[in-house]
Amino acid sequence: ILRIGRTAKSDYPISEDAYLSGQHFAVECDGIQARVRDLGSSNGTYVNGSRIQEVVLKEGDSVAAGGTTFTVH
């Protein structure tokens, strides 16, 4: 599990993004699939433009959180 957010409480902190929550979302991989799960963030987590709670990721998906966008590879 990899937690992404604004503070050092996250596994991957992005402190310069003021729109991220302290712990914004988590990515979990089980060897077969990867999932992204919102961690109760204030501004939400979006996959391909839709707000999500939890979703299975696919190659090329776009994950937006705060002012940062990630592309799944």
N, C-alpha and C. Protein backbone atom coordinates (compact mmCIF):
# COMPACT_ATOMS: atom_id res chain seq x y z
N ILE A 1 0.86 -1.18 0.00
CA ILE A 1 0.00 0.00 0.00
C ILE A 1 0.90 1.24 0.00
N LEU A 2 0.62 2.14 -0.91
CA LEU A 2 1.35 3.40 -1.02
C LEU A 2 0.36 4.53 -0.79
N ARG A 3 0.58 5.33 0.26
CA ARG A 3 -0.30 6.45 0.58
C ARG A 3 0.32 7.74 0.06
N ILE A 4 -0.49 8.51 -0.66
CA ILE A 4 -0.02 9.75 -1.26
C ILE A 4 -0.82 10.90 -0.66
N GLY A 5 -0.11 11.97 -0.30
CA GLY A 5 -0.74 13.14 0.28
C GLY A 5 0.24 14.29 0.42
N ARG A 6 -0.13 15.27 1.22
CA ARG A 6 0.65 16.49 1.34
C ARG A 6 1.68 16.43 2.47
N THR A 7 1.45 15.62 3.50
CA THR A 7 2.32 15.64 4.68
C THR A 7 3.23 14.42 4.76
N ALA A 8 4.17 14.50 5.68
CA ALA A 8 5.12 13.41 5.90
C ALA A 8 4.46 12.14 6.43
N LYS A 9 3.19 12.21 6.83
CA LYS A 9 2.45 11.02 7.23
C LYS A 9 2.19 10.10 6.04
N SER A 10 2.31 10.63 4.83
CA SER A 10 2.14 9.85 3.61
C SER A 10 3.44 9.13 3.26
N ASP A 11 3.32 8.05 2.51
CA ASP A 11 4.50 7.34 2.03
C ASP A 11 5.18 8.14 0.93
N TYR A 12 4.39 8.89 0.18
CA TYR A 12 4.91 9.71 -0.92
C TYR A 12 4.33 11.12 -0.77
N PRO A 13 4.96 11.97 0.04
CA PRO A 13 4.42 13.31 0.27
C PRO A 13 4.73 14.27 -0.89
N ILE A 14 3.72 15.06 -1.24
CA ILE A 14 3.87 16.11 -2.24
C ILE A 14 3.49 17.41 -1.53
N SER A 15 4.44 17.96 -0.78
CA SER A 15 4.16 19.08 0.11
C SER A 15 3.81 20.37 -0.64
N GLU A 16 4.23 20.51 -1.88
CA GLU A 16 3.97 21.75 -2.62
C GLU A 16 2.54 21.83 -3.17
N ASP A 17 1.75 20.74 -3.07
CA ASP A 17 0.37 20.76 -3.56
C ASP A 17 -0.57 21.06 -2.39
N ALA A 18 -0.94 22.31 -2.23
CA ALA A 18 -1.78 22.75 -1.11
C ALA A 18 -3.20 22.18 -1.16
N TYR A 19 -3.62 21.63 -2.30
CA TYR A 19 -4.97 21.09 -2.44
C TYR A 19 -5.06 19.62 -2.04
N LEU A 20 -3.92 18.97 -1.81
CA LEU A 20 -3.93 17.59 -1.34
C LEU A 20 -4.22 17.56 0.15
N SER A 21 -4.93 16.53 0.59
CA SER A 21 -5.10 16.29 2.02
C SER A 21 -3.80 15.69 2.56
N GLY A 22 -3.66 15.65 3.87
CA GLY A 22 -2.46 15.09 4.49
C GLY A 22 -2.16 13.69 4.00
N GLN A 23 -3.17 12.83 4.00
CA GLN A 23 -3.13 11.51 3.37
C GLN A 23 -4.33 11.49 2.44
N HIS A 24 -4.11 11.63 1.15
CA HIS A 24 -5.19 11.87 0.19
C HIS A 24 -5.76 10.56 -0.39
N PHE A 25 -4.87 9.73 -0.94
CA PHE A 25 -5.35 8.46 -1.50
C PHE A 25 -4.28 7.40 -1.35
N ALA A 26 -4.70 6.13 -1.53
CA ALA A 26 -3.78 5.01 -1.44
C ALA A 26 -3.88 4.18 -2.71
N VAL A 27 -2.75 3.61 -3.10
CA VAL A 27 -2.69 2.67 -4.22
C VAL A 27 -2.26 1.32 -3.65
N GLU A 28 -3.02 0.27 -3.98
CA GLU A 28 -2.71 -1.07 -3.51
C GLU A 28 -2.55 -1.99 -4.71
N CYS A 29 -1.50 -2.79 -4.71
CA CYS A 29 -1.26 -3.76 -5.78
C CYS A 29 -1.17 -5.14 -5.15
N ASP A 30 -1.87 -6.10 -5.75
CA ASP A 30 -1.83 -7.47 -5.21
C ASP A 30 -1.15 -8.45 -6.16
N GLY A 31 -0.47 -7.95 -7.18
CA GLY A 31 0.19 -8.80 -8.15
C GLY A 31 -0.67 -9.10 -9.36
N ILE A 32 -1.97 -8.88 -9.24
CA ILE A 32 -2.89 -9.11 -10.35
C ILE A 32 -3.50 -7.79 -10.81
N GLN A 33 -3.90 -6.98 -9.85
CA GLN A 33 -4.51 -5.70 -10.19
C GLN A 33 -4.07 -4.63 -9.20
N ALA A 34 -4.25 -3.38 -9.62
CA ALA A 34 -3.96 -2.23 -8.76
C ALA A 34 -5.26 -1.49 -8.51
N ARG A 35 -5.45 -1.02 -7.28
CA ARG A 35 -6.64 -0.28 -6.89
C ARG A 35 -6.21 1.06 -6.31
N VAL A 36 -7.03 2.07 -6.53
CA VAL A 36 -6.83 3.36 -5.88
C VAL A 36 -8.04 3.58 -4.97
N ARG A 37 -7.77 4.10 -3.76
CA ARG A 37 -8.83 4.33 -2.77
C ARG A 37 -8.64 5.70 -2.16
N ASP A 38 -9.70 6.50 -2.17
CA ASP A 38 -9.67 7.80 -1.52
C ASP A 38 -9.64 7.59 -0.01
N LEU A 39 -8.84 8.39 0.68
CA LEU A 39 -8.69 8.24 2.13
C LEU A 39 -9.46 9.31 2.91
N GLY A 40 -10.64 9.68 2.39
CA GLY A 40 -11.46 10.68 3.07
C GLY A 40 -10.98 12.09 2.81
N SER A 41 -10.39 12.32 1.66
CA SER A 41 -9.84 13.63 1.33
C SER A 41 -10.93 14.69 1.22
N SER A 42 -10.54 15.94 1.42
CA SER A 42 -11.48 17.06 1.33
C SER A 42 -11.91 17.33 -0.10
N ASN A 43 -10.96 17.26 -1.04
CA ASN A 43 -11.24 17.64 -2.44
C ASN A 43 -11.50 16.46 -3.35
N GLY A 44 -11.44 15.24 -2.84
CA GLY A 44 -11.76 14.06 -3.63
C GLY A 44 -10.60 13.57 -4.48
N THR A 45 -10.77 12.33 -4.93
CA THR A 45 -9.84 11.68 -5.85
C THR A 45 -10.64 11.32 -7.09
N TYR A 46 -10.07 11.58 -8.25
CA TYR A 46 -10.77 11.39 -9.52
C TYR A 46 -9.98 10.46 -10.42
N VAL A 47 -10.68 9.51 -11.03
CA VAL A 47 -10.06 8.64 -12.03
C VAL A 47 -10.79 8.90 -13.35
N ASN A 48 -10.03 9.33 -14.33
CA ASN A 48 -10.58 9.66 -15.65
C ASN A 48 -11.74 10.65 -15.55
N GLY A 49 -11.64 11.59 -14.61
CA GLY A 49 -12.62 12.66 -14.47
C GLY A 49 -13.78 12.36 -13.55
N SER A 50 -13.92 11.12 -13.05
CA SER A 50 -15.02 10.76 -12.16
C SER A 50 -14.53 10.62 -10.73
N ARG A 51 -15.25 11.23 -9.79
CA ARG A 51 -14.89 11.12 -8.38
C ARG A 51 -15.10 9.69 -7.92
N ILE A 52 -14.13 9.16 -7.19
CA ILE A 52 -14.20 7.74 -6.78
C ILE A 52 -14.03 7.61 -5.27
N GLN A 53 -14.45 6.48 -4.77
CA GLN A 53 -14.10 6.04 -3.42
C GLN A 53 -13.01 4.97 -3.54
N GLU A 54 -13.24 4.01 -4.45
CA GLU A 54 -12.26 2.96 -4.72
C GLU A 54 -12.55 2.40 -6.10
N VAL A 55 -11.49 2.14 -6.86
CA VAL A 55 -11.66 1.62 -8.21
C VAL A 55 -10.41 0.85 -8.62
N VAL A 56 -10.60 -0.16 -9.49
CA VAL A 56 -9.48 -0.89 -10.08
C VAL A 56 -8.91 -0.04 -11.20
N LEU A 57 -7.58 0.08 -11.22
CA LEU A 57 -6.91 0.90 -12.23
C LEU A 57 -6.53 0.08 -13.45
N LYS A 58 -6.49 0.77 -14.60
CA LYS A 58 -6.06 0.16 -15.85
C LYS A 58 -4.95 1.01 -16.45
N GLU A 59 -4.16 0.41 -17.31
CA GLU A 59 -3.11 1.11 -18.03
C GLU A 59 -3.69 2.35 -18.71
N GLY A 60 -3.03 3.48 -18.50
CA GLY A 60 -3.45 4.73 -19.13
C GLY A 60 -4.44 5.55 -18.34
N ASP A 61 -4.99 5.01 -17.23
CA ASP A 61 -5.92 5.78 -16.41
C ASP A 61 -5.24 7.04 -15.87
N SER A 62 -6.02 8.06 -15.68
CA SER A 62 -5.56 9.33 -15.11
C SER A 62 -6.14 9.46 -13.71
N VAL A 63 -5.27 9.64 -12.72
CA VAL A 63 -5.69 9.82 -11.33
C VAL A 63 -5.37 11.26 -10.94
N ALA A 64 -6.41 12.03 -10.60
CA ALA A 64 -6.24 13.42 -10.21
C ALA A 64 -6.59 13.59 -8.74
N ALA A 65 -5.69 14.26 -8.02
CA ALA A 65 -5.88 14.54 -6.60
C ALA A 65 -5.25 15.87 -6.31
N GLY A 66 -5.99 16.76 -5.64
CA GLY A 66 -5.48 18.09 -5.42
C GLY A 66 -5.21 18.76 -6.76
N GLY A 67 -4.04 19.34 -6.90
CA GLY A 67 -3.65 19.95 -8.17
C GLY A 67 -2.70 19.08 -8.97
N THR A 68 -2.61 17.79 -8.62
CA THR A 68 -1.66 16.87 -9.24
C THR A 68 -2.39 15.78 -9.99
N THR A 69 -1.88 15.42 -11.16
CA THR A 69 -2.45 14.34 -11.97
C THR A 69 -1.38 13.30 -12.22
N PHE A 70 -1.76 12.04 -12.04
CA PHE A 70 -0.88 10.91 -12.24
C PHE A 70 -1.43 10.07 -13.38
N THR A 71 -0.57 9.45 -14.16
CA THR A 71 -0.98 8.54 -15.22
C THR A 71 -0.50 7.14 -14.87
N VAL A 72 -1.38 6.16 -14.99
CA VAL A 72 -1.05 4.78 -14.62
C VAL A 72 -0.27 4.11 -15.75
N HIS A 73 0.88 3.54 -15.36
CA HIS A 73 1.71 2.78 -16.32
C HIS A 73 2.03 1.43 -15.75
